[in-house]
Each structure stands twice: as C-alpha cells, then as structure tokens.
Amino acid sequence: MINQNGLPTSHNLEEARGDFAVRAIGELKASPDAITVGIAGTVVGQYGLMLSGMLRGTGKFAVDYFPLAEAFLGHARDIDPANAAWASNLEELRKLRASAR
C-alpha cells in the first residue's frame, strides 16, 4: 500500500498477495529498466526496514521486504552494472538490516 506521499505503508496480507501486487512484483523483476527497478528496491528496502522496526507484531509490514528489495537492487545492478549506485544501495541495505537485528 502506498500513502498520499507515495511512501509504502503497512498493509494487510490480502493486498500484499493480491493480483495487483503479484503482477507489479513480476513486472519489476522482469523489467529492463534499471532506474525503475533500482528505485523500487531502494524504497522498499528503506521504508520496509523502518516500518518493520516501528510496527513489530500486529499490523507489521505484510511482506518480508528484505528479499524483495534485495532482488530488485540485484536486478538493477545486473541490468546496469556501470551504475555503482545499485551495488552501493544493496550493500547499504544489508548493513542496515544487520544493524537493526
């Protein structure tokens, strides 16, 4: 779910596993557009980490954000290996996740 500011929010499991979400994830995983995929990975990773920390338990982020963000950032890096931002964002996401445990 995206709020009025375009940021991901907690959502229910039905929406997270619904047709729209599944199609959107599939399209991003298959997309040849490194910028779109990389930004999706960065946003899901950053806000997923924050929401998971704030909303532990009931109402928490209904999707395990880390594998999804990692897949998007890895795909962006594979599409455009010359853009160091994707590898950097992926490494930063991994460090943030490790420090949040």
N, C-alpha and C. Protein backbone atom coordinates (compact mmCIF):
# COMPACT_ATOMS: atom_id res chain seq x y z
N MET A 1 0.85 -1.17 0.00
CA MET A 1 0.00 0.00 0.00
C MET A 1 0.89 1.23 0.00
N ILE A 2 0.51 2.24 -0.74
CA ILE A 2 1.25 3.49 -0.83
C ILE A 2 0.37 4.59 -0.25
N ASN A 3 0.94 5.45 0.60
CA ASN A 3 0.14 6.54 1.17
C ASN A 3 0.09 7.73 0.21
N GLN A 4 -0.52 8.83 0.66
CA GLN A 4 -0.69 10.01 -0.20
C GLN A 4 0.63 10.66 -0.58
N ASN A 5 1.71 10.35 0.13
CA ASN A 5 3.03 10.90 -0.20
C ASN A 5 3.85 9.96 -1.08
N GLY A 6 3.27 8.84 -1.47
CA GLY A 6 3.98 7.89 -2.32
C GLY A 6 4.91 6.97 -1.56
N LEU A 7 4.74 6.88 -0.25
CA LEU A 7 5.60 6.03 0.56
C LEU A 7 4.87 4.75 0.95
N PRO A 8 5.58 3.63 1.01
CA PRO A 8 4.92 2.39 1.39
C PRO A 8 4.49 2.43 2.85
N THR A 9 3.37 1.83 3.13
CA THR A 9 2.85 1.77 4.50
C THR A 9 2.59 0.32 4.84
N SER A 10 2.23 0.07 6.09
CA SER A 10 1.83 -1.28 6.45
C SER A 10 0.55 -1.58 5.66
N HIS A 11 0.29 -2.82 5.45
CA HIS A 11 -0.87 -3.18 4.66
C HIS A 11 -1.32 -4.56 5.08
N ASN A 12 -2.47 -4.95 4.61
CA ASN A 12 -2.93 -6.27 5.00
C ASN A 12 -2.39 -7.33 4.05
N LEU A 13 -2.38 -8.53 4.54
CA LEU A 13 -1.80 -9.65 3.81
C LEU A 13 -2.54 -9.93 2.51
N GLU A 14 -3.85 -9.72 2.49
CA GLU A 14 -4.62 -9.93 1.26
C GLU A 14 -4.13 -9.01 0.14
N GLU A 15 -3.89 -7.74 0.47
CA GLU A 15 -3.38 -6.80 -0.53
C GLU A 15 -1.97 -7.18 -0.97
N ALA A 16 -1.15 -7.59 -0.02
CA ALA A 16 0.24 -7.95 -0.33
C ALA A 16 0.33 -9.15 -1.25
N ARG A 17 -0.65 -10.02 -1.17
CA ARG A 17 -0.64 -11.23 -2.00
C ARG A 17 -1.69 -11.18 -3.12
N GLY A 18 -2.29 -10.03 -3.29
CA GLY A 18 -3.33 -9.86 -4.29
C GLY A 18 -2.78 -9.81 -5.71
N ASP A 19 -3.69 -9.87 -6.66
CA ASP A 19 -3.31 -9.89 -8.08
C ASP A 19 -2.46 -8.69 -8.49
N PHE A 20 -2.86 -7.50 -8.03
CA PHE A 20 -2.11 -6.30 -8.42
C PHE A 20 -0.67 -6.37 -7.91
N ALA A 21 -0.50 -6.71 -6.63
CA ALA A 21 0.84 -6.77 -6.05
C ALA A 21 1.69 -7.83 -6.74
N VAL A 22 1.11 -8.97 -6.99
CA VAL A 22 1.86 -10.06 -7.64
C VAL A 22 2.28 -9.65 -9.05
N ARG A 23 1.38 -9.00 -9.79
CA ARG A 23 1.71 -8.54 -11.15
C ARG A 23 2.80 -7.46 -11.11
N ALA A 24 2.67 -6.52 -10.18
CA ALA A 24 3.66 -5.43 -10.08
C ALA A 24 5.04 -5.99 -9.75
N ILE A 25 5.12 -6.91 -8.81
CA ILE A 25 6.40 -7.52 -8.46
C ILE A 25 6.97 -8.28 -9.66
N GLY A 26 6.13 -9.03 -10.34
CA GLY A 26 6.58 -9.77 -11.52
C GLY A 26 7.10 -8.85 -12.61
N GLU A 27 6.40 -7.76 -12.85
CA GLU A 27 6.84 -6.81 -13.88
C GLU A 27 8.16 -6.15 -13.51
N LEU A 28 8.33 -5.81 -12.24
CA LEU A 28 9.60 -5.22 -11.81
C LEU A 28 10.75 -6.22 -11.92
N LYS A 29 10.49 -7.47 -11.56
CA LYS A 29 11.55 -8.48 -11.65
C LYS A 29 11.95 -8.77 -13.09
N ALA A 30 11.04 -8.53 -14.03
CA ALA A 30 11.33 -8.79 -15.45
C ALA A 30 11.71 -7.53 -16.22
N SER A 31 11.59 -6.39 -15.60
CA SER A 31 11.81 -5.12 -16.29
C SER A 31 13.25 -4.93 -16.74
N PRO A 32 13.45 -4.34 -17.91
CA PRO A 32 14.80 -4.00 -18.36
C PRO A 32 15.21 -2.58 -17.95
N ASP A 33 14.37 -1.90 -17.17
CA ASP A 33 14.61 -0.51 -16.77
C ASP A 33 15.28 -0.47 -15.40
N ALA A 34 16.59 -0.32 -15.39
CA ALA A 34 17.36 -0.36 -14.15
C ALA A 34 16.95 0.73 -13.17
N ILE A 35 16.62 1.91 -13.66
CA ILE A 35 16.25 3.01 -12.77
C ILE A 35 14.96 2.69 -12.03
N THR A 36 13.95 2.26 -12.74
CA THR A 36 12.67 1.93 -12.10
C THR A 36 12.84 0.80 -11.08
N VAL A 37 13.54 -0.24 -11.48
CA VAL A 37 13.74 -1.40 -10.61
C VAL A 37 14.60 -1.03 -9.40
N GLY A 38 15.66 -0.28 -9.64
CA GLY A 38 16.55 0.10 -8.55
C GLY A 38 15.89 1.03 -7.55
N ILE A 39 15.11 1.96 -8.03
CA ILE A 39 14.40 2.86 -7.12
C ILE A 39 13.36 2.08 -6.33
N ALA A 40 12.67 1.16 -6.97
CA ALA A 40 11.70 0.32 -6.25
C ALA A 40 12.41 -0.45 -5.14
N GLY A 41 13.56 -1.02 -5.44
CA GLY A 41 14.31 -1.77 -4.43
C GLY A 41 14.77 -0.88 -3.28
N THR A 42 15.22 0.31 -3.61
CA THR A 42 15.69 1.24 -2.59
C THR A 42 14.54 1.67 -1.68
N VAL A 43 13.41 2.02 -2.27
CA VAL A 43 12.26 2.47 -1.48
C VAL A 43 11.72 1.34 -0.62
N VAL A 44 11.53 0.18 -1.21
CA VAL A 44 11.02 -0.96 -0.43
C VAL A 44 11.99 -1.31 0.69
N GLY A 45 13.28 -1.28 0.41
CA GLY A 45 14.27 -1.60 1.44
C GLY A 45 14.29 -0.61 2.58
N GLN A 46 14.38 0.67 2.26
CA GLN A 46 14.47 1.70 3.29
C GLN A 46 13.21 1.77 4.15
N TYR A 47 12.06 1.87 3.49
CA TYR A 47 10.83 2.02 4.25
C TYR A 47 10.38 0.71 4.86
N GLY A 48 10.71 -0.40 4.22
CA GLY A 48 10.41 -1.70 4.82
C GLY A 48 11.15 -1.88 6.13
N LEU A 49 12.41 -1.49 6.15
CA LEU A 49 13.21 -1.59 7.37
C LEU A 49 12.61 -0.71 8.47
N MET A 50 12.27 0.52 8.12
CA MET A 50 11.70 1.42 9.12
C MET A 50 10.35 0.92 9.63
N LEU A 51 9.49 0.51 8.72
CA LEU A 51 8.17 0.03 9.14
C LEU A 51 8.28 -1.24 9.97
N SER A 52 9.18 -2.12 9.61
CA SER A 52 9.35 -3.34 10.39
C SER A 52 9.79 -3.02 11.81
N GLY A 53 10.65 -2.02 11.95
CA GLY A 53 11.09 -1.62 13.28
C GLY A 53 9.99 -0.96 14.09
N MET A 54 9.16 -0.16 13.44
CA MET A 54 8.10 0.57 14.15
C MET A 54 6.88 -0.28 14.42
N LEU A 55 6.61 -1.23 13.54
CA LEU A 55 5.35 -1.96 13.60
C LEU A 55 5.54 -3.44 13.87
N ARG A 56 6.40 -3.77 14.78
CA ARG A 56 6.61 -5.18 15.10
C ARG A 56 5.30 -5.76 15.63
N GLY A 57 4.99 -6.97 15.22
CA GLY A 57 3.78 -7.62 15.70
C GLY A 57 2.60 -7.29 14.81
N THR A 58 1.44 -7.09 15.41
CA THR A 58 0.21 -6.85 14.68
C THR A 58 0.35 -5.66 13.75
N GLY A 59 -0.06 -5.83 12.52
CA GLY A 59 -0.04 -4.75 11.55
C GLY A 59 1.31 -4.49 10.93
N LYS A 60 2.28 -5.36 11.16
CA LYS A 60 3.62 -5.11 10.61
C LYS A 60 3.61 -5.24 9.10
N PHE A 61 4.70 -4.86 8.49
CA PHE A 61 4.84 -4.95 7.04
C PHE A 61 4.46 -6.36 6.62
N ALA A 62 3.46 -6.52 5.79
CA ALA A 62 2.89 -7.83 5.49
C ALA A 62 3.73 -8.66 4.51
N VAL A 63 4.76 -8.07 3.97
CA VAL A 63 5.65 -8.78 3.06
C VAL A 63 7.04 -8.72 3.66
N ASP A 64 7.80 -9.78 3.54
CA ASP A 64 9.18 -9.71 4.00
C ASP A 64 9.91 -8.83 3.00
N TYR A 65 10.14 -7.58 3.38
CA TYR A 65 10.65 -6.58 2.47
C TYR A 65 12.07 -6.88 2.00
N PHE A 66 12.90 -7.48 2.85
CA PHE A 66 14.32 -7.59 2.51
C PHE A 66 14.58 -8.42 1.25
N PRO A 67 14.04 -9.65 1.12
CA PRO A 67 14.30 -10.40 -0.11
C PRO A 67 13.79 -9.68 -1.36
N LEU A 68 12.67 -8.99 -1.22
CA LEU A 68 12.11 -8.27 -2.36
C LEU A 68 13.02 -7.10 -2.75
N ALA A 69 13.44 -6.31 -1.77
CA ALA A 69 14.34 -5.19 -2.04
C ALA A 69 15.67 -5.69 -2.59
N GLU A 70 16.18 -6.76 -2.02
CA GLU A 70 17.45 -7.33 -2.47
C GLU A 70 17.34 -7.83 -3.92
N ALA A 71 16.22 -8.45 -4.25
CA ALA A 71 16.01 -8.93 -5.62
C ALA A 71 15.95 -7.77 -6.61
N PHE A 72 15.23 -6.72 -6.25
CA PHE A 72 15.12 -5.56 -7.15
C PHE A 72 16.48 -4.89 -7.34
N LEU A 73 17.20 -4.66 -6.25
CA LEU A 73 18.50 -4.00 -6.37
C LEU A 73 19.51 -4.87 -7.11
N GLY A 74 19.47 -6.17 -6.89
CA GLY A 74 20.35 -7.07 -7.63
C GLY A 74 20.03 -7.08 -9.11
N HIS A 75 18.74 -7.02 -9.43
CA HIS A 75 18.32 -6.99 -10.84
C HIS A 75 18.77 -5.68 -11.49
N ALA A 76 18.61 -4.56 -10.78
CA ALA A 76 19.05 -3.26 -11.32
C ALA A 76 20.56 -3.29 -11.57
N ARG A 77 21.30 -3.86 -10.65
CA ARG A 77 22.76 -3.97 -10.80
C ARG A 77 23.11 -4.83 -12.01
N ASP A 78 22.37 -5.92 -12.21
CA ASP A 78 22.62 -6.80 -13.36
C ASP A 78 22.30 -6.11 -14.68
N ILE A 79 21.24 -5.31 -14.70
CA ILE A 79 20.85 -4.59 -15.91
C ILE A 79 21.87 -3.52 -16.26
N ASP A 80 22.32 -2.80 -15.23
CA ASP A 80 23.20 -1.65 -15.43
C ASP A 80 24.40 -1.73 -14.48
N PRO A 81 25.34 -2.64 -14.75
CA PRO A 81 26.48 -2.82 -13.84
C PRO A 81 27.40 -1.60 -13.76
N ALA A 82 27.31 -0.70 -14.73
CA ALA A 82 28.15 0.50 -14.70
C ALA A 82 27.67 1.52 -13.68
N ASN A 83 26.42 1.40 -13.24
CA ASN A 83 25.87 2.33 -12.25
C ASN A 83 26.18 1.80 -10.85
N ALA A 84 27.17 2.40 -10.21
CA ALA A 84 27.61 1.94 -8.89
C ALA A 84 26.56 2.13 -7.80
N ALA A 85 25.54 2.92 -8.08
CA ALA A 85 24.51 3.18 -7.06
C ALA A 85 23.79 1.91 -6.66
N TRP A 86 23.55 1.02 -7.60
CA TRP A 86 22.77 -0.18 -7.28
C TRP A 86 23.54 -1.09 -6.32
N ALA A 87 24.79 -1.33 -6.59
CA ALA A 87 25.60 -2.15 -5.68
C ALA A 87 25.76 -1.45 -4.33
N SER A 88 25.93 -0.15 -4.34
CA SER A 88 26.07 0.62 -3.11
C SER A 88 24.79 0.57 -2.28
N ASN A 89 23.65 0.76 -2.92
CA ASN A 89 22.36 0.71 -2.22
C ASN A 89 22.12 -0.69 -1.64
N LEU A 90 22.50 -1.71 -2.39
CA LEU A 90 22.33 -3.08 -1.93
C LEU A 90 23.20 -3.34 -0.70
N GLU A 91 24.44 -2.90 -0.74
CA GLU A 91 25.34 -3.07 0.41
C GLU A 91 24.83 -2.29 1.62
N GLU A 92 24.36 -1.08 1.41
CA GLU A 92 23.81 -0.27 2.50
C GLU A 92 22.59 -0.93 3.11
N LEU A 93 21.71 -1.48 2.29
CA LEU A 93 20.54 -2.19 2.78
C LEU A 93 20.95 -3.36 3.66
N ARG A 94 21.93 -4.12 3.22
CA ARG A 94 22.41 -5.28 4.00
C ARG A 94 23.00 -4.83 5.34
N LYS A 95 23.74 -3.74 5.34
CA LYS A 95 24.32 -3.23 6.59
C LYS A 95 23.23 -2.74 7.54
N LEU A 96 22.25 -2.02 7.00
CA LEU A 96 21.16 -1.52 7.85
C LEU A 96 20.38 -2.68 8.44
N ARG A 97 20.12 -3.69 7.65
CA ARG A 97 19.38 -4.85 8.15
C ARG A 97 20.15 -5.54 9.26
N ALA A 98 21.44 -5.72 9.06
CA ALA A 98 22.28 -6.38 10.06
C ALA A 98 22.30 -5.58 11.37
N SER A 99 22.35 -4.26 11.26
CA SER A 99 22.42 -3.44 12.48
C SER A 99 21.06 -3.33 13.16
N ALA A 100 19.99 -3.61 12.46
CA ALA A 100 18.64 -3.49 13.04
C ALA A 100 18.22 -4.73 13.81
N ARG A 101 18.97 -5.78 13.70
CA ARG A 101 18.58 -7.03 14.38
C ARG A 101 18.87 -6.99 15.83
